[in-house]
Amino acid sequence: MSVQNGPARPQVPLVIRFGRLGDMLLQEPLFHLLHRRYGRPCRVLARGSWTGELYRGHPDVGEIWELANRHQLLAFSPERWRVIAKIRAHDGPIYVSEDTRGSLKRIRWLLRFAGVPAQRCVFLHDMALHKDEHWVDQALRFGCMTPSAYREADYRWQPGDLQTAPRLYLDAQDRRDADAWLRERGFTDAPLVLLQPGNWKVKRRLHQRDDDPKFWPIESWAALLRAMHESLPAANLVLAGTPSESAVCQAIAAASGLGAVKIATSDLPLRRLLGVLERAHSMVSVDTGPAHLAAAMGCPLVVLYAGKYGPEKWDRRSPYAKPVVNLGVSPRAATAADIPPAQVIAAWRSLG
């Protein structure tokens, strides 16, 4: 790679991205690159209340500023005025890694009220965007750009600057917590297999809806569970998700007819889930955020794609070279229901 301009002294880069779980995890290689380039861990401005947990203890991420309510009018949002004050005090380069029109509009408002000069910022849309480029590869190209205010000296790219698979980090307390949960649930004596049937659209519905092509039918999940039990009779089979996905998981467990199937939708907060995924035998998931976490933690994985979203942009990449099998890809499945259970069963068995 050619020589790229960069700052003459260490700077703290600020990355702004308003995304869901998978979106934010796929920013990790960008954080790593910017830390290497500018010499200081990144600040991150994100929405929601979980980004701080995702990147707690991460060596490439320092402060995280979270906007819990990004829709509230600016004049009535003390939280946003506090963020504006933080942006105003920030004196490093700003990378706006956002591609949605509504979020970009809000971000530009924040930068304008903070009085940030344009020369200190670069926006994702300042570079050419390619339709089928993976989000990580796009983020790395973006991280190679330099705001004009910081073109002070040459930066020579080093081995290890460009990491193409997101990586997360656990500490000793995270691992102790995961161990305690596994003991409490009785999951320490056999392989642990996780199933993630829900996504952010599922909420409490029990049947496929036309507006959710990612929903795999309940009976298909039940058939998969029965096949898993046949292959690994002693395995702990766990349906995971958020509390809003409990009804779907309960319906799947009942349809399987297996008393040994467990549900974990109320006691797997994000850091604990990471620790559990680090130990799990495997996971089968629809195309949703926890599948990204599984790959990042080295958990062998089967992902069910459907509709317009595919692995071209969303492929899960394992930093540990663990297997990731993508289904519904060739031919492209219009809905997850088009993926037969036998295909998923064979893919899961191929994980070893």
Protein backbone atom coordinates (compact mmCIF):
# COMPACT_ATOMS: atom_id res chain seq x y z
CA MET A 1 0.00 0.00 0.00
CA SER A 2 1.30 3.48 -0.79
CA VAL A 3 2.37 6.15 1.68
CA GLN A 4 -0.59 7.98 3.24
CA ASN A 5 -0.57 11.36 4.96
CA GLY A 6 -1.21 11.43 8.69
CA PRO A 7 -0.77 13.61 11.78
CA ALA A 8 2.65 14.53 13.13
CA ARG A 9 1.64 13.92 16.79
CA PRO A 10 -0.70 11.45 18.50
CA GLN A 11 -4.38 12.35 18.13
CA VAL A 12 -7.61 10.85 19.46
CA PRO A 13 -9.83 9.99 16.47
CA LEU A 14 -13.60 10.24 16.92
CA VAL A 15 -15.77 7.76 14.99
CA ILE A 16 -19.50 8.47 14.67
CA ARG A 17 -21.82 5.61 13.70
CA PHE A 18 -25.50 5.11 14.60
CA GLY A 19 -25.96 1.39 13.96
CA ARG A 20 -27.36 -1.78 15.44
CA LEU A 21 -25.27 -4.50 17.05
CA GLY A 22 -23.87 -6.03 13.86
CA ASP A 23 -23.21 -2.61 12.33
CA MET A 24 -21.17 -1.53 15.32
CA LEU A 25 -19.17 -4.73 15.55
CA LEU A 26 -18.19 -4.43 11.89
CA GLN A 27 -16.61 -1.05 12.76
CA GLU A 28 -13.97 -2.78 14.91
CA PRO A 29 -11.32 -3.07 12.16
CA LEU A 30 -11.77 0.68 11.54
CA PHE A 31 -11.14 1.42 15.23
CA HIS A 32 -8.00 -0.73 15.09
CA LEU A 33 -6.72 1.00 11.97
CA LEU A 34 -7.34 4.50 13.32
CA HIS A 35 -5.67 3.64 16.64
CA ARG A 36 -2.58 2.49 14.74
CA ARG A 37 -2.59 5.56 12.48
CA TYR A 38 -3.14 8.27 15.07
CA GLY A 39 -1.49 6.66 18.09
CA ARG A 40 -4.45 6.91 20.50
CA PRO A 41 -7.55 4.70 21.04
CA CYS A 42 -10.72 5.92 19.34
CA ARG A 43 -13.60 7.81 20.84
CA VAL A 44 -16.92 6.48 19.56
CA LEU A 45 -20.27 8.26 19.33
CA ALA A 46 -23.07 5.71 18.95
CA ARG A 47 -26.75 5.30 19.66
CA GLY A 48 -28.30 2.97 22.22
CA SER A 49 -27.01 1.86 25.60
CA TRP A 50 -25.04 -1.26 24.67
CA THR A 51 -22.07 -0.05 22.59
CA GLY A 52 -20.12 0.63 25.77
CA GLU A 53 -20.65 -2.97 26.88
CA LEU A 54 -19.66 -4.33 23.47
CA TYR A 55 -16.32 -2.50 23.51
CA ARG A 56 -15.60 -2.49 27.23
CA GLY A 57 -11.89 -3.17 27.73
CA HIS A 58 -11.13 -3.05 24.01
CA PRO A 59 -7.58 -1.77 23.39
CA ASP A 60 -8.59 0.24 20.31
CA VAL A 61 -11.56 2.01 21.93
CA GLY A 62 -11.34 4.62 24.67
CA GLU A 63 -14.35 6.77 25.52
CA ILE A 64 -17.80 5.86 24.21
CA TRP A 65 -20.50 8.51 24.01
CA GLU A 66 -23.98 7.01 23.69
CA LEU A 67 -27.17 8.73 22.58
CA ALA A 68 -30.08 6.87 24.15
CA ASN A 69 -32.77 8.93 22.40
CA ARG A 70 -31.61 10.18 19.02
CA HIS A 71 -35.15 11.16 17.90
CA GLN A 72 -35.87 13.79 20.56
CA LEU A 73 -35.82 17.38 19.35
CA LEU A 74 -32.45 19.01 19.98
CA ALA A 75 -33.89 21.90 22.01
CA PHE A 76 -35.50 19.44 24.45
CA SER A 77 -32.60 16.99 24.77
CA PRO A 78 -30.07 17.72 27.55
CA GLU A 79 -28.33 14.51 26.53
CA ARG A 80 -27.65 15.86 23.04
CA TRP A 81 -26.40 19.18 24.35
CA ARG A 82 -23.95 17.26 26.55
CA VAL A 83 -22.75 15.33 23.51
CA ILE A 84 -22.40 18.59 21.55
CA ALA A 85 -20.21 19.96 24.35
CA LYS A 86 -18.02 16.85 24.18
CA ILE A 87 -17.67 17.15 20.39
CA ARG A 88 -16.78 20.83 20.77
CA ALA A 89 -14.00 19.91 23.22
CA HIS A 90 -12.69 17.11 21.00
CA ASP A 91 -9.67 18.29 19.01
CA GLY A 92 -8.84 15.19 16.94
CA PRO A 93 -9.95 13.94 13.51
CA ILE A 94 -13.60 12.95 13.08
CA TYR A 95 -14.68 10.00 10.94
CA VAL A 96 -18.43 9.88 10.20
CA SER A 97 -18.90 6.23 9.27
CA GLU A 98 -22.63 6.53 8.55
CA ASP A 99 -24.56 5.79 5.37
CA THR A 100 -28.24 6.44 6.20
CA ARG A 101 -29.79 9.78 5.29
CA GLY A 102 -31.69 10.35 8.52
CA SER A 103 -28.72 9.58 10.75
CA LEU A 104 -26.40 11.71 8.61
CA LYS A 105 -28.76 14.66 8.97
CA ARG A 106 -28.71 14.35 12.76
CA ILE A 107 -24.93 13.96 12.83
CA ARG A 108 -24.42 17.07 10.69
CA TRP A 109 -26.64 19.00 13.11
CA LEU A 110 -24.50 17.86 16.04
CA LEU A 111 -21.27 18.85 14.28
CA ARG A 112 -22.70 22.23 13.24
CA PHE A 113 -23.86 23.11 16.76
CA ALA A 114 -20.47 21.96 18.08
CA GLY A 115 -18.76 24.37 15.68
CA VAL A 116 -16.56 21.68 14.10
CA PRO A 117 -14.72 22.88 10.96
CA ALA A 118 -15.27 20.75 7.87
CA GLN A 119 -11.50 20.32 7.49
CA ARG A 120 -11.42 18.11 10.59
CA CYS A 121 -14.00 15.63 9.27
CA VAL A 122 -14.29 12.93 6.66
CA PHE A 123 -17.59 11.29 5.74
CA LEU A 124 -18.14 7.80 4.39
CA HIS A 125 -19.78 9.28 1.30
CA ASP A 126 -16.62 11.26 0.53
CA MET A 127 -15.32 8.10 -1.13
CA ALA A 128 -16.78 5.85 -3.83
CA LEU A 129 -19.10 3.20 -2.36
CA HIS A 130 -19.31 -0.21 -4.03
CA LYS A 131 -22.59 -2.12 -4.04
CA ASP A 132 -21.31 -5.54 -2.98
CA GLU A 133 -18.25 -4.53 -0.95
CA HIS A 134 -18.13 -6.06 2.51
CA TRP A 135 -18.74 -3.54 5.28
CA VAL A 136 -15.34 -4.28 6.84
CA ASP A 137 -13.46 -3.72 3.58
CA GLN A 138 -15.38 -0.48 3.07
CA ALA A 139 -14.56 0.65 6.62
CA LEU A 140 -10.86 -0.05 6.07
CA ARG A 141 -10.84 2.01 2.87
CA PHE A 142 -12.55 4.77 4.81
CA GLY A 143 -9.92 4.61 7.55
CA CYS A 144 -7.24 5.22 4.94
CA MET A 145 -8.70 8.67 4.26
CA THR A 146 -7.35 11.71 6.10
CA PRO A 147 -9.16 14.96 7.03
CA SER A 148 -7.37 17.84 5.38
CA ALA A 149 -6.58 19.47 8.74
CA TYR A 150 -4.36 16.52 9.68
CA ARG A 151 -2.24 16.12 6.56
CA GLU A 152 0.93 17.12 8.37
CA ALA A 153 3.32 14.22 7.89
CA ASP A 154 3.71 10.95 6.06
CA TYR A 155 2.28 7.80 7.62
CA ARG A 156 3.80 4.55 6.40
CA TRP A 157 1.49 1.60 6.66
CA GLN A 158 2.64 -1.15 8.98
CA PRO A 159 1.91 -4.90 9.06
CA GLY A 160 -1.15 -5.42 11.21
CA ASP A 161 -2.80 -2.08 10.41
CA LEU A 162 -5.48 -3.74 8.30
CA GLN A 163 -7.36 -6.49 10.15
CA THR A 164 -10.20 -7.93 8.09
CA ALA A 165 -12.09 -9.77 10.85
CA PRO A 166 -13.64 -8.03 13.89
CA ARG A 167 -12.20 -9.05 17.25
CA LEU A 168 -13.62 -8.59 20.75
CA TYR A 169 -11.91 -8.90 24.12
CA LEU A 170 -12.97 -10.42 27.43
CA ASP A 171 -11.40 -9.89 30.84
CA ALA A 172 -11.11 -12.26 33.79
CA GLN A 173 -14.38 -11.03 35.32
CA ASP A 174 -16.26 -11.71 32.07
CA ARG A 175 -14.97 -15.28 32.04
CA ARG A 176 -15.77 -15.85 35.72
CA ASP A 177 -19.31 -14.60 35.09
CA ALA A 178 -19.76 -16.92 32.08
CA ASP A 179 -18.39 -19.86 34.08
CA ALA A 180 -20.79 -19.15 36.95
CA TRP A 181 -23.75 -18.96 34.56
CA LEU A 182 -22.81 -22.23 32.88
CA ARG A 183 -22.56 -23.94 36.27
CA GLU A 184 -25.85 -22.45 37.47
CA ARG A 185 -27.68 -23.62 34.34
CA GLY A 186 -26.02 -27.05 34.45
CA PHE A 187 -24.23 -26.59 31.13
CA THR A 188 -20.68 -27.46 32.12
CA ASP A 189 -20.71 -31.22 31.53
CA ALA A 190 -21.49 -31.43 27.80
CA PRO A 191 -21.13 -29.48 24.52
CA LEU A 192 -23.16 -26.28 24.35
CA VAL A 193 -25.06 -25.57 21.12
CA LEU A 194 -26.77 -22.20 20.73
CA LEU A 195 -29.67 -21.42 18.40
CA GLN A 196 -30.65 -17.82 17.59
CA PRO A 197 -34.08 -17.88 15.90
CA GLY A 198 -35.05 -14.24 16.46
CA ASN A 199 -33.95 -10.87 15.17
CA TRP A 200 -34.92 -7.32 16.06
CA LYS A 201 -38.19 -7.62 14.09
CA VAL A 202 -39.47 -10.78 15.78
CA LYS A 203 -40.71 -9.34 19.09
CA ARG A 204 -43.56 -11.61 20.20
CA ARG A 205 -44.88 -13.04 16.95
CA LEU A 206 -44.94 -16.79 16.50
CA HIS A 207 -45.34 -17.14 12.76
CA GLN A 208 -43.60 -15.84 9.68
CA ARG A 209 -44.75 -12.47 8.43
CA ASP A 210 -44.40 -11.04 4.94
CA ASP A 211 -42.36 -8.13 6.31
CA ASP A 212 -39.73 -10.41 7.87
CA PRO A 213 -38.01 -12.63 5.29
CA LYS A 214 -35.44 -13.69 7.92
CA PHE A 215 -37.95 -15.63 10.03
CA TRP A 216 -37.33 -19.40 9.77
CA PRO A 217 -40.49 -21.39 10.59
CA ILE A 218 -40.97 -22.84 14.05
CA GLU A 219 -41.26 -26.41 12.79
CA SER A 220 -37.99 -26.02 10.89
CA TRP A 221 -36.22 -25.02 14.11
CA ALA A 222 -37.89 -27.93 15.88
CA ALA A 223 -36.66 -30.37 13.21
CA LEU A 224 -33.14 -28.98 13.59
CA LEU A 225 -33.25 -29.44 17.36
CA ARG A 226 -34.35 -33.06 16.98
CA ALA A 227 -31.48 -33.72 14.55
CA MET A 228 -29.00 -32.06 16.89
CA HIS A 229 -30.22 -34.23 19.76
CA GLU A 230 -29.82 -37.32 17.60
CA SER A 231 -26.25 -36.37 16.64
CA LEU A 232 -25.17 -35.15 20.11
CA PRO A 233 -27.54 -36.74 22.65
CA ALA A 234 -25.72 -35.25 25.63
CA ALA A 235 -25.41 -31.72 24.20
CA ASN A 236 -27.01 -28.74 25.91
CA LEU A 237 -29.33 -27.26 23.28
CA VAL A 238 -30.09 -23.63 24.12
CA LEU A 239 -32.46 -21.24 22.36
CA ALA A 240 -31.00 -17.77 22.89
CA GLY A 241 -32.31 -14.27 22.33
CA THR A 242 -33.66 -11.16 24.01
CA PRO A 243 -36.65 -11.12 26.38
CA SER A 244 -38.90 -9.99 23.51
CA GLU A 245 -38.04 -13.23 21.68
CA SER A 246 -39.11 -15.49 24.55
CA ALA A 247 -42.48 -16.45 23.05
CA VAL A 248 -40.87 -17.58 19.79
CA CYS A 249 -38.25 -19.62 21.65
CA GLN A 250 -40.90 -21.22 23.87
CA ALA A 251 -42.96 -22.19 20.83
CA ILE A 252 -39.90 -23.78 19.17
CA ALA A 253 -38.99 -25.71 22.32
CA ALA A 254 -42.55 -27.03 22.63
CA ALA A 255 -42.69 -28.02 18.95
CA SER A 256 -39.43 -29.97 19.24
CA GLY A 257 -40.90 -32.37 21.77
CA LEU A 258 -37.54 -32.46 23.57
CA GLY A 259 -37.65 -31.83 27.28
CA ALA A 260 -33.91 -31.15 27.33
CA VAL A 261 -34.13 -27.96 25.22
CA LYS A 262 -33.37 -24.88 27.31
CA ILE A 263 -34.24 -21.20 26.80
CA ALA A 264 -31.94 -18.29 27.59
CA THR A 265 -33.73 -15.05 26.77
CA SER A 266 -33.61 -13.33 30.14
CA ASP A 267 -30.19 -14.15 31.60
CA LEU A 268 -27.69 -13.64 28.77
CA PRO A 269 -26.65 -9.98 28.80
CA LEU A 270 -24.14 -8.99 26.18
CA ARG A 271 -20.85 -9.56 28.05
CA ARG A 272 -22.04 -12.91 29.39
CA LEU A 273 -23.15 -13.94 25.90
CA LEU A 274 -19.64 -13.21 24.61
CA GLY A 275 -18.13 -15.41 27.31
CA VAL A 276 -20.58 -18.21 26.55
CA LEU A 277 -19.94 -17.99 22.80
CA GLU A 278 -16.21 -18.33 23.48
CA ARG A 279 -16.94 -21.77 24.99
CA ALA A 280 -19.79 -22.95 22.75
CA HIS A 281 -19.58 -25.95 20.45
CA SER A 282 -21.49 -24.12 17.70
CA MET A 283 -24.32 -21.76 16.83
CA VAL A 284 -27.06 -21.72 14.20
CA SER A 285 -28.56 -18.27 13.63
CA VAL A 286 -30.65 -16.19 11.33
CA ASP A 287 -28.88 -13.14 9.85
CA THR A 288 -28.75 -10.98 12.97
CA GLY A 289 -26.34 -9.33 15.40
CA PRO A 290 -25.53 -12.27 17.71
CA ALA A 291 -24.20 -14.20 14.71
CA HIS A 292 -21.57 -11.47 14.31
CA LEU A 293 -20.66 -11.89 17.97
CA ALA A 294 -20.31 -15.65 17.53
CA ALA A 295 -17.83 -15.28 14.68
CA ALA A 296 -15.85 -12.64 16.58
CA MET A 297 -15.54 -14.99 19.56
CA GLY A 298 -14.49 -17.98 17.43
CA CYS A 299 -17.71 -19.97 17.70
CA PRO A 300 -18.33 -22.27 14.67
CA LEU A 301 -21.40 -20.92 12.95
CA VAL A 302 -24.20 -21.52 10.46
CA VAL A 303 -26.01 -18.40 9.21
CA LEU A 304 -29.35 -18.35 7.36
CA TYR A 305 -29.53 -15.50 4.83
CA ALA A 306 -32.69 -14.42 3.02
CA GLY A 307 -34.05 -11.56 0.97
CA LYS A 308 -31.87 -8.72 -0.26
CA TYR A 309 -29.20 -9.11 2.44
CA GLY A 310 -26.39 -11.56 1.77
CA PRO A 311 -22.83 -12.40 2.75
CA GLU A 312 -21.35 -10.13 0.09
CA LYS A 313 -21.67 -7.26 2.58
CA TRP A 314 -22.57 -9.07 5.80
CA ASP A 315 -20.44 -12.22 5.85
CA ARG A 316 -19.36 -13.17 9.36
CA ARG A 317 -15.57 -13.24 9.57
CA SER A 318 -13.79 -15.19 12.27
CA PRO A 319 -10.44 -13.81 13.49
CA TYR A 320 -9.65 -17.38 14.61
CA ALA A 321 -10.37 -19.02 11.21
CA LYS A 322 -13.26 -21.01 12.69
CA PRO A 323 -15.85 -22.31 10.19
CA VAL A 324 -18.73 -20.09 9.07
CA VAL A 325 -21.29 -21.73 6.74
CA ASN A 326 -23.66 -19.43 4.84
CA LEU A 327 -27.01 -20.79 3.63
CA GLY A 328 -29.70 -19.24 1.43
CA VAL A 329 -27.00 -17.77 -0.78
CA SER A 330 -26.76 -19.75 -4.03
CA PRO A 331 -29.47 -19.70 -5.16
CA ARG A 332 -30.55 -16.70 -3.08
CA ALA A 333 -33.46 -17.52 -0.78
CA ALA A 334 -36.34 -15.07 -1.03
CA THR A 335 -37.24 -15.89 2.57
CA ALA A 336 -35.59 -18.05 5.21
CA ALA A 337 -38.55 -20.42 4.90
CA ASP A 338 -37.11 -21.42 1.50
CA ILE A 339 -34.10 -23.01 3.23
CA PRO A 340 -34.99 -26.68 3.95
CA PRO A 341 -34.21 -28.08 7.40
CA ALA A 342 -32.15 -30.89 5.85
CA GLN A 343 -29.74 -28.32 4.41
CA VAL A 344 -29.31 -26.60 7.77
CA ILE A 345 -28.84 -29.92 9.55
CA ALA A 346 -26.13 -30.97 7.09
CA ALA A 347 -24.38 -27.60 7.44
CA TRP A 348 -24.39 -27.81 11.23
CA ARG A 349 -23.03 -31.38 11.17
CA SER A 350 -20.22 -30.19 8.87
CA LEU A 351 -18.93 -27.89 11.61
CA GLY A 352 -17.49 -30.94 13.37
